[in-house]
Amino acid sequence: MELSIRTMLDFFLYTHSHKFFRPKYGGLGHILMLHRVIPTGQMQIGQRFIPTDMEITTDEFEKIIAYFQKMDYVFVSLDEIYNILKGQNIDKKFVAITFDDGYEDIYNHAYPILKREGIPFAINITTGFPDRNVIIWWYLLEELLLKHQHLSFEINGHAYNYHFANTREKYFAFREIRDFILDSTKENFLKKMKRIFGPLKIDLFRKTHELSLSWDQIREMSRDPLVTIGGHTINHKPLGKLTEEKIRQEIKG
């Protein structure tokens, strides 16, 4: 399903068919949801299993900004969008830039570009990132699959065995294990983490320390009028899997 959607979107993009729908469905503006911005020369290429829209290069990011500048959009904050939706007049279409989770490359690479251009943006922080107590398991899992041709683990008496003959098989294994991890309670999530990564002596929090913003970086950016700090839950859990009480805790905390 995801592949079909991506193929359809690529079709609209490269055939320019999207322009036909723009007058009716263009709306007041756009909110861009980004995650990571990585220097072009440092972007990992080749085999990847994490969705590619998780990461863009600094060159791509600057081209996105240049495109909206050329199209005469006005860059706005989330507060300004609220005012627009409540009736504030605006004579141009708007675009707002947001980042989810709280990766350090926002501070190192995206923030300098946005500050240079005077563009407001928002970072929606998963507080477990700077607290260093959330496991960024999707990068651990991708790294594990890239390095190994076989993976096996046992959970609740059920044995899981994967043998990879090619990249396609690793991709589908990533998807299957990802869904398996997401369908977890707090208690069996940690059990699954230890069962999957423990036998290979993988530090569950290594990627968290490598990739996360620090509270000092967040505080520094929060003092800049261009920057809005928002919440993105405590633990980055799929809210649809939680009870209402747990959802409230994740959002309010």
C-alpha atoms as a PDB file:
ATOM      1  CA  MET A   1       0.000   0.000   0.000  1.00  0.00           C
ATOM      2  CA  GLU A   2       2.743   2.453   0.989  1.00  0.00           C
ATOM      3  CA  LEU A   3       4.683   1.634  -2.190  1.00  0.00           C
ATOM      4  CA  SER A   4       1.560   2.252  -4.286  1.00  0.00           C
ATOM      5  CA  ILE A   5       0.989   5.649  -2.677  1.00  0.00           C
ATOM      6  CA  ARG A   6       4.617   6.647  -3.226  1.00  0.00           C
ATOM      7  CA  THR A   7       4.426   5.555  -6.864  1.00  0.00           C
ATOM      8  CA  MET A   8       1.263   7.615  -7.366  1.00  0.00           C
ATOM      9  CA  LEU A   9       2.820  10.697  -5.779  1.00  0.00           C
ATOM     10  CA  ASP A  10       5.926  10.317  -7.940  1.00  0.00           C
ATOM     11  CA  PHE A  11       3.665  10.109 -11.000  1.00  0.00           C
ATOM     12  CA  PHE A  12       1.946  13.395 -10.117  1.00  0.00           C
ATOM     13  CA  LEU A  13       5.284  15.051  -9.401  1.00  0.00           C
ATOM     14  CA  TYR A  14       7.211  14.045 -12.503  1.00  0.00           C
ATOM     15  CA  THR A  15       4.312  14.428 -14.952  1.00  0.00           C
ATOM     16  CA  HIS A  16       3.375  17.782 -13.359  1.00  0.00           C
ATOM     17  CA  SER A  17      -0.204  16.496 -13.113  1.00  0.00           C
ATOM     18  CA  HIS A  18      -0.470  18.034  -9.645  1.00  0.00           C
ATOM     19  CA  LYS A  19      -0.704  21.483 -11.265  1.00  0.00           C
ATOM     20  CA  PHE A  20      -4.094  20.553 -12.724  1.00  0.00           C
ATOM     21  CA  PHE A  21      -5.538  20.080  -9.217  1.00  0.00           C
ATOM     22  CA  ARG A  22      -3.836  23.077  -7.607  1.00  0.00           C
ATOM     23  CA  PRO A  23      -6.590  25.706  -8.152  1.00  0.00           C
ATOM     24  CA  LYS A  24      -9.219  23.603  -6.368  1.00  0.00           C
ATOM     25  CA  TYR A  25      -7.162  21.678  -3.801  1.00  0.00           C
ATOM     26  CA  GLY A  26      -4.197  23.996  -3.192  1.00  0.00           C
ATOM     27  CA  GLY A  27      -5.644  25.336   0.057  1.00  0.00           C
ATOM     28  CA  LEU A  28      -4.407  28.314   2.057  1.00  0.00           C
ATOM     29  CA  GLY A  29      -0.900  26.963   2.396  1.00  0.00           C
ATOM     30  CA  HIS A  30       1.258  24.076   3.498  1.00  0.00           C
ATOM     31  CA  ILE A  31       2.734  22.613   6.670  1.00  0.00           C
ATOM     32  CA  LEU A  32       5.915  20.646   5.981  1.00  0.00           C
ATOM     33  CA  MET A  33       6.617  17.821   8.440  1.00  0.00           C
ATOM     34  CA  LEU A  34      10.320  16.989   8.390  1.00  0.00           C
ATOM     35  CA  HIS A  35      12.547  14.924  10.649  1.00  0.00           C
ATOM     36  CA  ARG A  36      16.231  15.120   9.757  1.00  0.00           C
ATOM     37  CA  VAL A  37      18.436  17.359   7.592  1.00  0.00           C
ATOM     38  CA  ILE A  38      21.829  15.825   6.840  1.00  0.00           C
ATOM     39  CA  PRO A  39      24.820  17.299   4.957  1.00  0.00           C
ATOM     40  CA  THR A  40      24.749  16.054   1.392  1.00  0.00           C
ATOM     41  CA  GLY A  41      28.127  14.347   1.627  1.00  0.00           C
ATOM     42  CA  GLN A  42      27.167  12.560   4.842  1.00  0.00           C
ATOM     43  CA  MET A  43      23.844  11.137   3.693  1.00  0.00           C
ATOM     44  CA  GLN A  44      23.877   7.355   3.860  1.00  0.00           C
ATOM     45  CA  ILE A  45      23.109   5.941   0.436  1.00  0.00           C
ATOM     46  CA  GLY A  46      22.633   2.446  -0.915  1.00  0.00           C
ATOM     47  CA  GLN A  47      20.555  -0.080   0.975  1.00  0.00           C
ATOM     48  CA  ARG A  48      18.051   1.624   3.291  1.00  0.00           C
ATOM     49  CA  PHE A  49      14.962   0.343   5.053  1.00  0.00           C
ATOM     50  CA  ILE A  50      13.848   3.413   6.986  1.00  0.00           C
ATOM     51  CA  PRO A  51      11.396   5.463   4.870  1.00  0.00           C
ATOM     52  CA  THR A  52      13.405   7.909   2.801  1.00  0.00           C
ATOM     53  CA  ASP A  53      11.201  10.848   3.801  1.00  0.00           C
ATOM     54  CA  MET A  54      12.730  10.634   7.286  1.00  0.00           C
ATOM     55  CA  GLU A  55      15.886  12.297   5.940  1.00  0.00           C
ATOM     56  CA  ILE A  56      16.721  14.972   3.402  1.00  0.00           C
ATOM     57  CA  THR A  57      20.059  16.537   2.502  1.00  0.00           C
ATOM     58  CA  THR A  58      20.982  20.143   3.202  1.00  0.00           C
ATOM     59  CA  ASP A  59      21.007  20.740  -0.572  1.00  0.00           C
ATOM     60  CA  GLU A  60      17.450  19.392  -0.858  1.00  0.00           C
ATOM     61  CA  PHE A  61      16.359  21.480   2.115  1.00  0.00           C
ATOM     62  CA  GLU A  62      17.724  24.661   0.586  1.00  0.00           C
ATOM     63  CA  LYS A  63      16.000  23.838  -2.718  1.00  0.00           C
ATOM     64  CA  ILE A  64      12.688  23.435  -0.862  1.00  0.00           C
ATOM     65  CA  ILE A  65      13.137  26.856   0.735  1.00  0.00           C
ATOM     66  CA  ALA A  66      14.165  28.410  -2.584  1.00  0.00           C
ATOM     67  CA  TYR A  67      11.096  26.925  -4.281  1.00  0.00           C
ATOM     68  CA  PHE A  68       8.651  28.496  -1.842  1.00  0.00           C
ATOM     69  CA  GLN A  69      10.529  31.791  -1.987  1.00  0.00           C
ATOM     70  CA  LYS A  70      10.307  31.744  -5.790  1.00  0.00           C
ATOM     71  CA  MET A  71       6.573  30.959  -5.600  1.00  0.00           C
ATOM     72  CA  ASP A  72       6.160  33.997  -3.305  1.00  0.00           C
ATOM     73  CA  TYR A  73       4.893  32.071  -0.285  1.00  0.00           C
ATOM     74  CA  VAL A  74       5.161  33.657   3.134  1.00  0.00           C
ATOM     75  CA  PHE A  75       6.920  31.585   5.809  1.00  0.00           C
ATOM     76  CA  VAL A  76       4.924  31.575   9.033  1.00  0.00           C
ATOM     77  CA  SER A  77       5.008  30.101  12.532  1.00  0.00           C
ATOM     78  CA  LEU A  78       2.375  27.709  13.870  1.00  0.00           C
ATOM     79  CA  ASP A  79       0.915  30.547  15.953  1.00  0.00           C
ATOM     80  CA  GLU A  80       0.466  32.590  12.799  1.00  0.00           C
ATOM     81  CA  ILE A  81      -1.298  29.658  11.125  1.00  0.00           C
ATOM     82  CA  TYR A  82      -3.704  29.547  14.051  1.00  0.00           C
ATOM     83  CA  ASN A  83      -4.488  33.233  13.547  1.00  0.00           C
ATOM     84  CA  ILE A  84      -4.947  32.726   9.796  1.00  0.00           C
ATOM     85  CA  LEU A  85      -7.367  29.863  10.356  1.00  0.00           C
ATOM     86  CA  LYS A  86      -9.266  32.027  12.850  1.00  0.00           C
ATOM     87  CA  GLY A  87      -9.815  34.651  10.174  1.00  0.00           C
ATOM     88  CA  GLN A  88      -6.667  36.808   9.951  1.00  0.00           C
ATOM     89  CA  ASN A  89      -6.343  38.141   6.419  1.00  0.00           C
ATOM     90  CA  ILE A  90      -3.346  37.056   4.385  1.00  0.00           C
ATOM     91  CA  ASP A  91      -2.754  37.974   0.754  1.00  0.00           C
ATOM     92  CA  LYS A  92      -0.289  35.165   0.019  1.00  0.00           C
ATOM     93  CA  LYS A  93      -0.199  31.440   0.528  1.00  0.00           C
ATOM     94  CA  PHE A  94       1.758  30.369   3.582  1.00  0.00           C
ATOM     95  CA  VAL A  95       4.194  27.598   4.372  1.00  0.00           C
ATOM     96  CA  ALA A  96       5.276  26.441   7.817  1.00  0.00           C
ATOM     97  CA  ILE A  97       8.281  24.203   8.511  1.00  0.00           C
ATOM     98  CA  THR A  98       8.144  21.693  11.356  1.00  0.00           C
ATOM     99  CA  PHE A  99      10.434  18.950  12.604  1.00  0.00           C
ATOM    100  CA  ASP A 100       9.301  15.915  14.567  1.00  0.00           C
ATOM    101  CA  ASP A 101      11.095  13.926  17.283  1.00  0.00           C
ATOM    102  CA  GLY A 102      14.193  16.005  18.060  1.00  0.00           C
ATOM    103  CA  TYR A 103      17.249  14.946  16.074  1.00  0.00           C
ATOM    104  CA  GLU A 104      20.495  16.822  16.674  1.00  0.00           C
ATOM    105  CA  ASP A 105      21.039  17.590  12.998  1.00  0.00           C
ATOM    106  CA  ILE A 106      18.156  20.071  13.283  1.00  0.00           C
ATOM    107  CA  TYR A 107      20.435  22.169  15.505  1.00  0.00           C
ATOM    108  CA  ASN A 108      23.608  21.480  13.544  1.00  0.00           C
ATOM    109  CA  HIS A 109      22.358  21.804   9.969  1.00  0.00           C
ATOM    110  CA  ALA A 110      18.740  22.976   9.585  1.00  0.00           C
ATOM    111  CA  TYR A 111      18.779  25.761  12.180  1.00  0.00           C
ATOM    112  CA  PRO A 112      21.738  27.683  10.633  1.00  0.00           C
ATOM    113  CA  ILE A 113      20.007  27.685   7.220  1.00  0.00           C
ATOM    114  CA  LEU A 114      16.664  28.818   8.629  1.00  0.00           C
ATOM    115  CA  LYS A 115      18.270  31.484  10.828  1.00  0.00           C
ATOM    116  CA  ARG A 116      20.224  32.841   7.850  1.00  0.00           C
ATOM    117  CA  GLU A 117      16.988  33.139   5.854  1.00  0.00           C
ATOM    118  CA  GLY A 118      14.964  34.499   8.793  1.00  0.00           C
ATOM    119  CA  ILE A 119      12.459  31.638   8.527  1.00  0.00           C
ATOM    120  CA  PRO A 120      10.368  30.573  11.541  1.00  0.00           C
ATOM    121  CA  PHE A 121      10.011  26.881  12.303  1.00  0.00           C
ATOM    122  CA  ALA A 122       8.793  24.481  14.965  1.00  0.00           C
ATOM    123  CA  ILE A 123      10.408  21.462  16.611  1.00  0.00           C
ATOM    124  CA  ASN A 124       8.032  18.956  18.160  1.00  0.00           C
ATOM    125  CA  ILE A 125      10.110  17.277  20.827  1.00  0.00           C
ATOM    126  CA  THR A 126       9.769  13.717  22.037  1.00  0.00           C
ATOM    127  CA  THR A 127      11.088  14.440  25.525  1.00  0.00           C
ATOM    128  CA  GLY A 128      12.633  10.998  25.805  1.00  0.00           C
ATOM    129  CA  PHE A 129      15.131  12.027  23.110  1.00  0.00           C
ATOM    130  CA  PRO A 130      16.944  14.713  25.153  1.00  0.00           C
ATOM    131  CA  ASP A 131      16.271  12.722  28.334  1.00  0.00           C
ATOM    132  CA  ARG A 132      18.163   9.882  26.579  1.00  0.00           C
ATOM    133  CA  ASN A 133      15.673   7.237  27.696  1.00  0.00           C
ATOM    134  CA  VAL A 134      13.830   6.513  24.442  1.00  0.00           C
ATOM    135  CA  ILE A 135      15.211   3.716  22.280  1.00  0.00           C
ATOM    136  CA  ILE A 136      15.563   4.879  18.667  1.00  0.00           C
ATOM    137  CA  TRP A 137      15.060   1.286  17.602  1.00  0.00           C
ATOM    138  CA  TRP A 138      14.268   1.952  13.913  1.00  0.00           C
ATOM    139  CA  TYR A 139      17.874   3.011  13.252  1.00  0.00           C
ATOM    140  CA  LEU A 140      19.200   0.115  15.353  1.00  0.00           C
ATOM    141  CA  LEU A 141      17.068  -2.319  13.378  1.00  0.00           C
ATOM    142  CA  GLU A 142      18.149  -0.922  10.013  1.00  0.00           C
ATOM    143  CA  GLU A 143      21.815  -1.118  11.029  1.00  0.00           C
ATOM    144  CA  LEU A 144      21.357  -4.677  12.290  1.00  0.00           C
ATOM    145  CA  LEU A 145      19.775  -5.834   9.029  1.00  0.00           C
ATOM    146  CA  LEU A 146      22.416  -4.134   6.911  1.00  0.00           C
ATOM    147  CA  LYS A 147      25.197  -5.939   8.761  1.00  0.00           C
ATOM    148  CA  HIS A 148      23.752  -9.445   9.023  1.00  0.00           C
ATOM    149  CA  GLN A 149      22.456 -12.138   6.695  1.00  0.00           C
ATOM    150  CA  HIS A 150      20.629 -13.996   9.453  1.00  0.00           C
ATOM    151  CA  LEU A 151      18.560 -12.911  12.430  1.00  0.00           C
ATOM    152  CA  SER A 152      16.820 -15.056  15.002  1.00  0.00           C
ATOM    153  CA  PHE A 153      15.199 -14.413  18.360  1.00  0.00           C
ATOM    154  CA  GLU A 154      12.563 -15.919  20.617  1.00  0.00           C
ATOM    155  CA  ILE A 155       9.713 -14.146  22.401  1.00  0.00           C
ATOM    156  CA  ASN A 156       7.050 -15.797  24.553  1.00  0.00           C
ATOM    157  CA  GLY A 157       8.085 -19.232  23.336  1.00  0.00           C
ATOM    158  CA  HIS A 158       7.797 -18.285  19.661  1.00  0.00           C
ATOM    159  CA  ALA A 159      10.925 -18.494  17.515  1.00  0.00           C
ATOM    160  CA  TYR A 160      11.528 -15.912  14.792  1.00  0.00           C
ATOM    161  CA  ASN A 161      14.096 -16.846  12.145  1.00  0.00           C
ATOM    162  CA  TYR A 162      15.106 -14.713   9.190  1.00  0.00           C
ATOM    163  CA  HIS A 163      17.591 -15.614   6.463  1.00  0.00           C
ATOM    164  CA  PHE A 164      18.309 -12.915   3.909  1.00  0.00           C
ATOM    165  CA  ALA A 165      19.254 -13.716   0.343  1.00  0.00           C
ATOM    166  CA  ASN A 166      18.875 -10.153  -0.914  1.00  0.00           C
ATOM    167  CA  THR A 167      17.955  -6.572  -0.052  1.00  0.00           C
ATOM    168  CA  ARG A 168      14.282  -7.136  -0.838  1.00  0.00           C
ATOM    169  CA  GLU A 169      14.035  -9.827   1.834  1.00  0.00           C
ATOM    170  CA  LYS A 170      15.718  -7.522   4.351  1.00  0.00           C
ATOM    171  CA  TYR A 171      13.271  -4.749   3.496  1.00  0.00           C
ATOM    172  CA  PHE A 172      10.245  -6.967   4.144  1.00  0.00           C
ATOM    173  CA  ALA A 173      11.859  -8.289   7.333  1.00  0.00           C
ATOM    174  CA  PHE A 174      12.320  -4.696   8.498  1.00  0.00           C
ATOM    175  CA  ARG A 175       8.638  -4.001   7.850  1.00  0.00           C
ATOM    176  CA  GLU A 176       7.514  -7.159   9.642  1.00  0.00           C
ATOM    177  CA  ILE A 177       9.725  -6.625  12.690  1.00  0.00           C
ATOM    178  CA  ARG A 178       8.785  -2.931  12.782  1.00  0.00           C
ATOM    179  CA  ASP A 179       5.079  -3.777  12.951  1.00  0.00           C
ATOM    180  CA  PHE A 180       5.852  -6.425  15.567  1.00  0.00           C
ATOM    181  CA  ILE A 181       7.675  -3.855  17.713  1.00  0.00           C
ATOM    182  CA  LEU A 182       4.986  -1.192  17.310  1.00  0.00           C
ATOM    183  CA  ASP A 183       2.338  -3.632  18.506  1.00  0.00           C
ATOM    184  CA  SER A 184       3.725  -3.628  22.048  1.00  0.00           C
ATOM    185  CA  THR A 185       2.743  -2.666  25.540  1.00  0.00           C
ATOM    186  CA  LYS A 186       5.316  -0.867  27.687  1.00  0.00           C
ATOM    187  CA  GLU A 187       6.206  -4.105  29.418  1.00  0.00           C
ATOM    188  CA  ASN A 188       6.668  -6.350  26.412  1.00  0.00           C
ATOM    189  CA  PHE A 189       8.312  -3.580  24.374  1.00  0.00           C
ATOM    190  CA  LEU A 190      11.446  -3.753  26.524  1.00  0.00           C
ATOM    191  CA  LYS A 191      11.327  -7.532  26.452  1.00  0.00           C
ATOM    192  CA  LYS A 192      11.219  -7.456  22.659  1.00  0.00           C
ATOM    193  CA  MET A 193      14.111  -4.985  22.517  1.00  0.00           C
ATOM    194  CA  LYS A 194      16.297  -7.212  24.675  1.00  0.00           C
ATOM    195  CA  ARG A 195      15.366 -10.352  22.755  1.00  0.00           C
ATOM    196  CA  ILE A 196      16.008  -8.817  19.331  1.00  0.00           C
ATOM    197  CA  PHE A 197      19.148  -6.790  20.030  1.00  0.00           C
ATOM    198  CA  GLY A 198      20.536  -8.322  23.243  1.00  0.00           C
ATOM    199  CA  PRO A 199      22.124 -11.493  21.772  1.00  0.00           C
ATOM    200  CA  LEU A 200      24.247  -9.301  19.473  1.00  0.00           C
ATOM    201  CA  LYS A 201      25.400  -7.120  22.406  1.00  0.00           C
ATOM    202  CA  ILE A 202      23.847  -4.010  20.846  1.00  0.00           C
ATOM    203  CA  ASP A 203      23.609  -0.975  23.140  1.00  0.00           C
ATOM    204  CA  LEU A 204      19.919  -0.073  22.984  1.00  0.00           C
ATOM    205  CA  PHE A 205      20.593   3.613  23.662  1.00  0.00           C
ATOM    206  CA  ARG A 206      23.585   4.159  21.373  1.00  0.00           C
ATOM    207  CA  LYS A 207      21.534   5.757  18.598  1.00  0.00           C
ATOM    208  CA  THR A 208      19.702   7.868  21.168  1.00  0.00           C
ATOM    209  CA  HIS A 209      22.992   9.377  22.346  1.00  0.00           C
ATOM    210  CA  GLU A 210      24.302   9.739  18.787  1.00  0.00           C
ATOM    211  CA  LEU A 211      21.245  11.356  17.184  1.00  0.00           C
ATOM    212  CA  SER A 212      19.242  13.285  19.794  1.00  0.00           C
ATOM    213  CA  LEU A 213      19.141  16.978  20.588  1.00  0.00           C
ATOM    214  CA  SER A 214      20.284  17.910  24.083  1.00  0.00           C
ATOM    215  CA  TRP A 215      18.229  20.033  26.466  1.00  0.00           C
ATOM    216  CA  ASP A 216      20.922  22.751  26.232  1.00  0.00           C
ATOM    217  CA  GLN A 217      20.499  22.895  22.443  1.00  0.00           C
ATOM    218  CA  ILE A 218      16.719  23.017  22.834  1.00  0.00           C
ATOM    219  CA  ARG A 219      16.947  25.823  25.415  1.00  0.00           C
ATOM    220  CA  GLU A 220      19.263  27.812  23.161  1.00  0.00           C
ATOM    221  CA  MET A 221      16.924  27.528  20.183  1.00  0.00           C
ATOM    222  CA  SER A 222      13.859  28.277  22.323  1.00  0.00           C
ATOM    223  CA  ARG A 223      15.276  31.730  23.071  1.00  0.00           C
ATOM    224  CA  ASP A 224      15.205  32.548  19.341  1.00  0.00           C
ATOM    225  CA  PRO A 225      11.910  34.201  18.266  1.00  0.00           C
ATOM    226  CA  LEU A 226      12.062  32.159  15.070  1.00  0.00           C
ATOM    227  CA  VAL A 227      11.755  28.884  16.960  1.00  0.00           C
ATOM    228  CA  THR A 228       8.617  27.292  18.387  1.00  0.00           C
ATOM    229  CA  ILE A 229       9.053  24.293  20.688  1.00  0.00           C
ATOM    230  CA  GLY A 230       6.147  21.848  20.652  1.00  0.00           C
ATOM    231  CA  GLY A 231       5.401  18.507  22.252  1.00  0.00           C
ATOM    232  CA  HIS A 232       5.568  15.129  20.505  1.00  0.00           C
ATOM    233  CA  THR A 233       4.816  12.846  23.464  1.00  0.00           C
ATOM    234  CA  ILE A 234       7.250  11.427  26.017  1.00  0.00           C
ATOM    235  CA  ASN A 235       8.142   8.049  24.571  1.00  0.00           C
ATOM    236  CA  HIS A 236       7.235   8.185  20.851  1.00  0.00           C
ATOM    237  CA  LYS A 237       4.709   5.381  21.242  1.00  0.00           C
ATOM    238  CA  PRO A 238       1.961   4.822  18.648  1.00  0.00           C
ATOM    239  CA  LEU A 239      -0.958   6.423  20.472  1.00  0.00           C
ATOM    240  CA  GLY A 240      -3.498   4.161  18.811  1.00  0.00           C
ATOM    241  CA  LYS A 241      -2.042   1.248  20.776  1.00  0.00           C
ATOM    242  CA  LEU A 242      -2.445   2.933  24.189  1.00  0.00           C
ATOM    243  CA  THR A 243      -5.298   3.342  26.649  1.00  0.00           C
ATOM    244  CA  GLU A 244      -6.888   6.770  26.991  1.00  0.00           C
ATOM    245  CA  GLU A 245      -5.133   7.269  30.327  1.00  0.00           C
ATOM    246  CA  LYS A 246      -1.729   6.466  28.802  1.00  0.00           C
ATOM    247  CA  ILE A 247      -2.437   8.726  25.815  1.00  0.00           C
ATOM    248  CA  ARG A 248      -3.175  11.620  28.159  1.00  0.00           C
ATOM    249  CA  GLN A 249       0.042  10.952  30.078  1.00  0.00           C
ATOM    250  CA  GLU A 250       2.091  10.880  26.858  1.00  0.00           C
ATOM    251  CA  ILE A 251       0.580  14.122  25.538  1.00  0.00           C
ATOM    252  CA  LYS A 252       0.456  16.122  28.785  1.00  0.00           C
ATOM    253  CA  GLY A 253       3.875  14.945  29.944  1.00  0.00           C
END
